[in-house]
Structures are given as structure tokens and as C-alpha cells.
């Protein structure tokens, strides 16, 4: 049976940069690598909220991306 081991965590801030000619929202993301894998969702969200005022565009969403190593 395979097992997994959490290797690293990435924080992604999705920023709304404007609208296109059809009125659809345009987005850009900023990624912050090497976050502690043990970080709680509340801690990562707090970091994103602290960084949001420093961004040129408004914060739309906060995402967490975890990478795992699979072993047999």
C-alpha cells in the first residue's frame, strides 16, 4: 500500500486585476513558496490578509497548495 509524506506548502493569493471587454473579471496570482507544511489554514489566511494591502490589486481569493511525496 502506498503512503504519502507532505513535502511543502505554497500560499497563493489570487488578485483581481480588472475586467475584460466582455465584463469578465481578470485575475493574476502571486505565489509564496516554502511555507511551513504544519501551518494552519487560519495562519496562512492571516498572512494573506497582512500582505493584501501591499498589493497593487485587490485580493479575491486565498489558496493553499500542498505537495506530497508518494512512496510504495
PDB file of N, CA and C in Angstrom:
ATOM      1  N   UNK A   1       0.839  -1.172   0.000  1.00  0.00           N
ATOM      2  CA  UNK A   1       0.000   0.000   0.000  1.00  0.00           C
ATOM      3  C   UNK A   1       0.888   1.240   0.000  1.00  0.00           C
ATOM      4  N   UNK A   2       0.525   2.230  -0.762  1.00  0.00           N
ATOM      5  CA  UNK A   2       1.313   3.459  -0.882  1.00  0.00           C
ATOM      6  C   UNK A   2       1.049   4.376   0.306  1.00  0.00           C
ATOM      7  N   UNK A   3       2.061   5.161   0.625  1.00  0.00           N
ATOM      8  CA  UNK A   3       1.917   6.164   1.683  1.00  0.00           C
ATOM      9  C   UNK A   3       2.395   7.504   1.138  1.00  0.00           C
ATOM     10  N   UNK A   4       1.967   8.569   1.781  1.00  0.00           N
ATOM     11  CA  UNK A   4       2.366   9.900   1.331  1.00  0.00           C
ATOM     12  C   UNK A   4       2.997  10.674   2.477  1.00  0.00           C
ATOM     13  N   UNK A   5       3.876  11.562   2.100  1.00  0.00           N
ATOM     14  CA  UNK A   5       4.573  12.410   3.054  1.00  0.00           C
ATOM     15  C   UNK A   5       4.504  13.846   2.543  1.00  0.00           C
ATOM     16  N   UNK A   6       3.944  14.740   3.342  1.00  0.00           N
ATOM     17  CA  UNK A   6       3.799  16.138   2.951  1.00  0.00           C
ATOM     18  C   UNK A   6       5.177  16.782   2.843  1.00  0.00           C
ATOM     19  N   UNK A   7       5.498  17.314   1.665  1.00  0.00           N
ATOM     20  CA  UNK A   7       6.833  17.861   1.416  1.00  0.00           C
ATOM     21  C   UNK A   7       6.885  19.380   1.598  1.00  0.00           C
ATOM     22  N   UNK A   8       5.991  20.115   0.943  1.00  0.00           N
ATOM     23  CA  UNK A   8       5.993  21.567   1.087  1.00  0.00           C
ATOM     24  C   UNK A   8       4.609  22.140   0.844  1.00  0.00           C
ATOM     25  N   UNK A   9       4.465  23.396   1.232  1.00  0.00           N
ATOM     26  CA  UNK A   9       3.192  24.097   1.122  1.00  0.00           C
ATOM     27  C   UNK A   9       3.429  25.431   0.431  1.00  0.00           C
ATOM     28  N   UNK A  10       2.492  25.797  -0.425  1.00  0.00           N
ATOM     29  CA  UNK A  10       2.564  27.059  -1.150  1.00  0.00           C
ATOM     30  C   UNK A  10       1.302  27.864  -0.851  1.00  0.00           C
ATOM     31  N   UNK A  11       1.477  29.153  -0.614  1.00  0.00           N
ATOM     32  CA  UNK A  11       0.354  30.069  -0.425  1.00  0.00           C
ATOM     33  C   UNK A  11       0.156  30.828  -1.725  1.00  0.00           C
ATOM     34  N   UNK A  12      -1.059  30.820  -2.243  1.00  0.00           N
ATOM     35  CA  UNK A  12      -1.365  31.544  -3.482  1.00  0.00           C
ATOM     36  C   UNK A  12      -2.419  32.603  -3.195  1.00  0.00           C
ATOM     37  N   UNK A  13      -2.088  33.826  -3.541  1.00  0.00           N
ATOM     38  CA  UNK A  13      -3.042  34.926  -3.438  1.00  0.00           C
ATOM     39  C   UNK A  13      -3.560  35.215  -4.841  1.00  0.00           C
ATOM     40  N   UNK A  14      -4.871  35.145  -5.031  1.00  0.00           N
ATOM     41  CA  UNK A  14      -5.485  35.443  -6.317  1.00  0.00           C
ATOM     42  C   UNK A  14      -5.968  36.889  -6.246  1.00  0.00           C
ATOM     43  N   UNK A  15      -5.474  37.708  -7.178  1.00  0.00           N
ATOM     44  CA  UNK A  15      -5.777  39.134  -7.189  1.00  0.00           C
ATOM     45  C   UNK A  15      -6.630  39.474  -8.401  1.00  0.00           C
ATOM     46  N   UNK A  16      -7.634  40.318  -8.200  1.00  0.00           N
ATOM     47  CA  UNK A  16      -8.485  40.755  -9.304  1.00  0.00           C
ATOM     48  C   UNK A  16      -7.855  41.992  -9.924  1.00  0.00           C
ATOM     49  N   UNK A  17      -7.473  41.875 -11.207  1.00  0.00           N
ATOM     50  CA  UNK A  17      -6.735  42.955 -11.862  1.00  0.00           C
ATOM     51  C   UNK A  17      -7.616  43.878 -12.690  1.00  0.00           C
ATOM     52  N   UNK A  18      -8.865  43.518 -12.910  1.00  0.00           N
ATOM     53  CA  UNK A  18      -9.766  44.352 -13.700  1.00  0.00           C
ATOM     54  C   UNK A  18     -10.788  43.495 -14.419  1.00  0.00           C
ATOM     55  N   UNK A  19     -11.349  44.068 -15.498  1.00  0.00           N
ATOM     56  CA  UNK A  19     -12.339  43.352 -16.305  1.00  0.00           C
ATOM     57  C   UNK A  19     -11.956  43.443 -17.774  1.00  0.00           C
ATOM     58  N   UNK A  20     -12.352  42.422 -18.544  1.00  0.00           N
ATOM     59  CA  UNK A  20     -12.075  42.441 -19.978  1.00  0.00           C
ATOM     60  C   UNK A  20     -13.208  43.146 -20.716  1.00  0.00           C
ATOM     61  N   UNK A  21     -13.151  43.152 -22.042  1.00  0.00           N
ATOM     62  CA  UNK A  21     -14.149  43.860 -22.846  1.00  0.00           C
ATOM     63  C   UNK A  21     -15.540  43.247 -22.718  1.00  0.00           C
ATOM     64  N   UNK A  22     -15.622  41.981 -22.298  1.00  0.00           N
ATOM     65  CA  UNK A  22     -16.914  41.311 -22.122  1.00  0.00           C
ATOM     66  C   UNK A  22     -17.455  41.447 -20.708  1.00  0.00           C
ATOM     67  N   UNK A  23     -16.738  42.134 -19.846  1.00  0.00           N
ATOM     68  CA  UNK A  23     -17.185  42.319 -18.476  1.00  0.00           C
ATOM     69  C   UNK A  23     -16.771  41.216 -17.521  1.00  0.00           C
ATOM     70  N   UNK A  24     -15.961  40.273 -17.984  1.00  0.00           N
ATOM     71  CA  UNK A  24     -15.487  39.194 -17.105  1.00  0.00           C
ATOM     72  C   UNK A  24     -14.273  39.671 -16.318  1.00  0.00           C
ATOM     73  N   UNK A  25     -14.201  39.226 -15.090  1.00  0.00           N
ATOM     74  CA  UNK A  25     -13.078  39.602 -14.231  1.00  0.00           C
ATOM     75  C   UNK A  25     -11.785  38.961 -14.716  1.00  0.00           C
ATOM     76  N   UNK A  26     -10.689  39.704 -14.572  1.00  0.00           N
ATOM     77  CA  UNK A  26      -9.357  39.206 -14.889  1.00  0.00           C
ATOM     78  C   UNK A  26      -8.607  38.998 -13.585  1.00  0.00           C
ATOM     79  N   UNK A  27      -7.852  37.911 -13.518  1.00  0.00           N
ATOM     80  CA  UNK A  27      -7.152  37.565 -12.285  1.00  0.00           C
ATOM     81  C   UNK A  27      -5.671  37.334 -12.553  1.00  0.00           C
ATOM     82  N   UNK A  28      -4.883  37.562 -11.529  1.00  0.00           N
ATOM     83  CA  UNK A  28      -3.449  37.256 -11.526  1.00  0.00           C
ATOM     84  C   UNK A  28      -3.159  36.660 -10.156  1.00  0.00           C
ATOM     85  N   UNK A  29      -2.222  35.748 -10.097  1.00  0.00           N
ATOM     86  CA  UNK A  29      -1.909  35.147  -8.802  1.00  0.00           C
ATOM     87  C   UNK A  29      -0.460  35.416  -8.419  1.00  0.00           C
ATOM     88  N   UNK A  30      -0.240  35.496  -7.115  1.00  0.00           N
ATOM     89  CA  UNK A  30       1.099  35.602  -6.544  1.00  0.00           C
ATOM     90  C   UNK A  30       1.290  34.390  -5.659  1.00  0.00           C
ATOM     91  N   UNK A  31       2.413  33.714  -5.839  1.00  0.00           N
ATOM     92  CA  UNK A  31       2.706  32.502  -5.084  1.00  0.00           C
ATOM     93  C   UNK A  31       3.827  32.753  -4.095  1.00  0.00           C
ATOM     94  N   UNK A  32       3.655  32.223  -2.905  1.00  0.00           N
ATOM     95  CA  UNK A  32       4.673  32.294  -1.867  1.00  0.00           C
ATOM     96  C   UNK A  32       5.032  30.860  -1.507  1.00  0.00           C
ATOM     97  N   UNK A  33       6.243  30.464  -1.856  1.00  0.00           N
ATOM     98  CA  UNK A  33       6.705  29.092  -1.651  1.00  0.00           C
ATOM     99  C   UNK A  33       7.354  28.932  -0.286  1.00  0.00           C
ATOM    100  N   UNK A  34       7.649  27.690   0.045  1.00  0.00           N
ATOM    101  CA  UNK A  34       8.372  27.327   1.267  1.00  0.00           C
ATOM    102  C   UNK A  34       7.641  27.732   2.546  1.00  0.00           C
ATOM    103  N   UNK A  35       6.327  27.664   2.527  1.00  0.00           N
ATOM    104  CA  UNK A  35       5.559  27.865   3.750  1.00  0.00           C
ATOM    105  C   UNK A  35       5.674  26.576   4.568  1.00  0.00           C
ATOM    106  N   UNK A  36       5.543  26.694   5.868  1.00  0.00           N
ATOM    107  CA  UNK A  36       5.629  25.501   6.713  1.00  0.00           C
ATOM    108  C   UNK A  36       4.453  24.570   6.417  1.00  0.00           C
ATOM    109  N   UNK A  37       4.722  23.311   6.149  1.00  0.00           N
ATOM    110  CA  UNK A  37       3.618  22.376   5.909  1.00  0.00           C
ATOM    111  C   UNK A  37       2.689  22.238   7.115  1.00  0.00           C
ATOM    112  N   UNK A  38       3.194  22.523   8.303  1.00  0.00           N
ATOM    113  CA  UNK A  38       2.371  22.413   9.506  1.00  0.00           C
ATOM    114  C   UNK A  38       1.516  23.660   9.757  1.00  0.00           C
ATOM    115  N   UNK A  39       1.630  24.670   8.896  1.00  0.00           N
ATOM    116  CA  UNK A  39       0.861  25.904   9.081  1.00  0.00           C
ATOM    117  C   UNK A  39      -0.635  25.619   8.980  1.00  0.00           C
ATOM    118  N   UNK A  40      -1.393  26.227   9.871  1.00  0.00           N
ATOM    119  CA  UNK A  40      -2.845  26.040   9.867  1.00  0.00           C
ATOM    120  C   UNK A  40      -3.477  26.914   8.784  1.00  0.00           C
ATOM    121  N   UNK A  41      -4.671  26.563   8.339  1.00  0.00           N
ATOM    122  CA  UNK A  41      -5.367  27.415   7.374  1.00  0.00           C
ATOM    123  C   UNK A  41      -5.574  28.839   7.899  1.00  0.00           C
ATOM    124  N   UNK A  42      -5.872  28.972   9.197  1.00  0.00           N
ATOM    125  CA  UNK A  42      -6.049  30.307   9.778  1.00  0.00           C
ATOM    126  C   UNK A  42      -4.771  31.124   9.700  1.00  0.00           C
ATOM    127  N   UNK A  43      -3.627  30.493   9.938  1.00  0.00           N
ATOM    128  CA  UNK A  43      -2.344  31.198   9.889  1.00  0.00           C
ATOM    129  C   UNK A  43      -2.028  31.652   8.465  1.00  0.00           C
ATOM    130  N   UNK A  44      -2.253  30.789   7.492  1.00  0.00           N
ATOM    131  CA  UNK A  44      -1.995  31.166   6.104  1.00  0.00           C
ATOM    132  C   UNK A  44      -2.935  32.275   5.649  1.00  0.00           C
ATOM    133  N   UNK A  45      -4.183  32.211   6.077  1.00  0.00           N
ATOM    134  CA  UNK A  45      -5.142  33.255   5.714  1.00  0.00           C
ATOM    135  C   UNK A  45      -4.745  34.587   6.344  1.00  0.00           C
ATOM    136  N   UNK A  46      -4.250  34.546   7.579  1.00  0.00           N
ATOM    137  CA  UNK A  46      -3.797  35.767   8.250  1.00  0.00           C
ATOM    138  C   UNK A  46      -2.606  36.380   7.519  1.00  0.00           C
ATOM    139  N   UNK A  47      -1.702  35.552   7.033  1.00  0.00           N
ATOM    140  CA  UNK A  47      -0.561  36.053   6.258  1.00  0.00           C
ATOM    141  C   UNK A  47      -1.057  36.736   4.985  1.00  0.00           C
ATOM    142  N   UNK A  48      -1.997  36.105   4.294  1.00  0.00           N
ATOM    143  CA  UNK A  48      -2.537  36.686   3.065  1.00  0.00           C
ATOM    144  C   UNK A  48      -3.221  38.020   3.346  1.00  0.00           C
ATOM    145  N   UNK A  49      -3.972  38.103   4.435  1.00  0.00           N
ATOM    146  CA  UNK A  49      -4.633  39.360   4.781  1.00  0.00           C
ATOM    147  C   UNK A  49      -3.626  40.446   5.143  1.00  0.00           C
ATOM    148  N   UNK A  50      -2.515  40.061   5.757  1.00  0.00           N
ATOM    149  CA  UNK A  50      -1.478  41.036   6.098  1.00  0.00           C
ATOM    150  C   UNK A  50      -0.761  41.543   4.846  1.00  0.00           C
ATOM    151  N   UNK A  51      -0.605  40.675   3.845  1.00  0.00           N
ATOM    152  CA  UNK A  51       0.072  41.065   2.610  1.00  0.00           C
ATOM    153  C   UNK A  51      -0.849  41.785   1.622  1.00  0.00           C
ATOM    154  N   UNK A  52      -2.149  41.627   1.762  1.00  0.00           N
ATOM    155  CA  UNK A  52      -3.108  42.185   0.806  1.00  0.00           C
ATOM    156  C   UNK A  52      -2.981  43.700   0.624  1.00  0.00           C
ATOM    157  N   UNK A  53      -2.833  44.490   1.688  1.00  0.00           N
ATOM    158  CA  UNK A  53      -2.719  45.941   1.478  1.00  0.00           C
ATOM    159  C   UNK A  53      -1.445  46.354   0.733  1.00  0.00           C
ATOM    160  N   UNK A  54      -0.461  45.483   0.671  1.00  0.00           N
ATOM    161  CA  UNK A  54       0.793  45.790  -0.011  1.00  0.00           C
ATOM    162  C   UNK A  54       0.727  45.498  -1.508  1.00  0.00           C
ATOM    163  N   UNK A  55      -0.385  44.915  -1.961  1.00  0.00           N
ATOM    164  CA  UNK A  55      -0.534  44.541  -3.364  1.00  0.00           C
ATOM    165  C   UNK A  55      -1.161  45.683  -4.150  1.00  0.00           C
ATOM    166  N   UNK A  56      -0.868  45.714  -5.438  1.00  0.00           N
ATOM    167  CA  UNK A  56      -1.411  46.747  -6.312  1.00  0.00           C
ATOM    168  C   UNK A  56      -2.896  46.507  -6.598  1.00  0.00           C
ATOM    169  N   UNK A  57      -3.314  45.239  -6.625  1.00  0.00           N
ATOM    170  CA  UNK A  57      -4.693  44.881  -6.947  1.00  0.00           C
ATOM    171  C   UNK A  57      -5.379  44.292  -5.720  1.00  0.00           C
ATOM    172  N   UNK A  58      -6.711  44.200  -5.787  1.00  0.00           N
ATOM    173  CA  UNK A  58      -7.473  43.720  -4.629  1.00  0.00           C
ATOM    174  C   UNK A  58      -7.453  42.190  -4.538  1.00  0.00           C
ATOM    175  N   UNK A  59      -7.463  41.711  -3.300  1.00  0.00           N
ATOM    176  CA  UNK A  59      -7.440  40.277  -3.022  1.00  0.00           C
ATOM    177  C   UNK A  59      -8.801  39.671  -3.335  1.00  0.00           C
ATOM    178  N   UNK A  60      -8.798  38.592  -4.129  1.00  0.00           N
ATOM    179  CA  UNK A  60     -10.034  37.908  -4.495  1.00  0.00           C
ATOM    180  C   UNK A  60     -10.173  36.585  -3.758  1.00  0.00           C
ATOM    181  N   UNK A  61      -9.077  35.826  -3.654  1.00  0.00           N
ATOM    182  CA  UNK A  61      -9.128  34.507  -3.019  1.00  0.00           C
ATOM    183  C   UNK A  61      -7.755  34.144  -2.472  1.00  0.00           C
ATOM    184  N   UNK A  62      -7.766  33.213  -1.521  1.00  0.00           N
ATOM    185  CA  UNK A  62      -6.538  32.683  -0.935  1.00  0.00           C
ATOM    186  C   UNK A  62      -6.572  31.171  -1.112  1.00  0.00           C
ATOM    187  N   UNK A  63      -5.494  30.604  -1.644  1.00  0.00           N
ATOM    188  CA  UNK A  63      -5.429  29.166  -1.886  1.00  0.00           C
ATOM    189  C   UNK A  63      -4.189  28.576  -1.227  1.00  0.00           C
ATOM    190  N   UNK A  64      -4.311  27.326  -0.849  1.00  0.00           N
ATOM    191  CA  UNK A  64      -3.180  26.581  -0.293  1.00  0.00           C
ATOM    192  C   UNK A  64      -2.920  25.394  -1.206  1.00  0.00           C
ATOM    193  N   UNK A  65      -1.664  25.230  -1.606  1.00  0.00           N
ATOM    194  CA  UNK A  65      -1.268  24.104  -2.449  1.00  0.00           C
ATOM    195  C   UNK A  65      -0.229  23.288  -1.704  1.00  0.00           C
ATOM    196  N   UNK A  66      -0.555  22.031  -1.436  1.00  0.00           N
ATOM    197  CA  UNK A  66       0.359  21.124  -0.748  1.00  0.00           C
ATOM    198  C   UNK A  66       0.940  20.130  -1.751  1.00  0.00           C
ATOM    199  N   UNK A  67       2.219  19.838  -1.601  1.00  0.00           N
ATOM    200  CA  UNK A  67       2.881  18.819  -2.418  1.00  0.00           C
ATOM    201  C   UNK A  67       3.294  17.669  -1.517  1.00  0.00           C
ATOM    202  N   UNK A  68       3.005  16.469  -1.970  1.00  0.00           N
ATOM    203  CA  UNK A  68       3.337  15.273  -1.196  1.00  0.00           C
ATOM    204  C   UNK A  68       4.231  14.357  -2.008  1.00  0.00           C
ATOM    205  N   UNK A  69       5.040  13.597  -1.303  1.00  0.00           N
ATOM    206  CA  UNK A  69       5.884  12.573  -1.904  1.00  0.00           C
ATOM    207  C   UNK A  69       5.200  11.228  -1.658  1.00  0.00           C
ATOM    208  N   UNK A  70       4.926  10.503  -2.734  1.00  0.00           N
ATOM    209  CA  UNK A  70       4.275   9.197  -2.616  1.00  0.00           C
ATOM    210  C   UNK A  70       5.322   8.096  -2.647  1.00  0.00           C
ATOM    211  N   UNK A  71       5.167   7.124  -1.742  1.00  0.00           N
ATOM    212  CA  UNK A  71       6.109   6.011  -1.651  1.00  0.00           C
ATOM    213  C   UNK A  71       5.342   4.698  -1.590  1.00  0.00           C
ATOM    214  N   UNK A  72       5.941   3.693  -2.171  1.00  0.00           N
ATOM    215  CA  UNK A  72       5.309   2.375  -2.159  1.00  0.00           C
ATOM    216  C   UNK A  72       5.661   1.624  -0.896  1.00  0.00           C
TER     217      UNK A  72
END
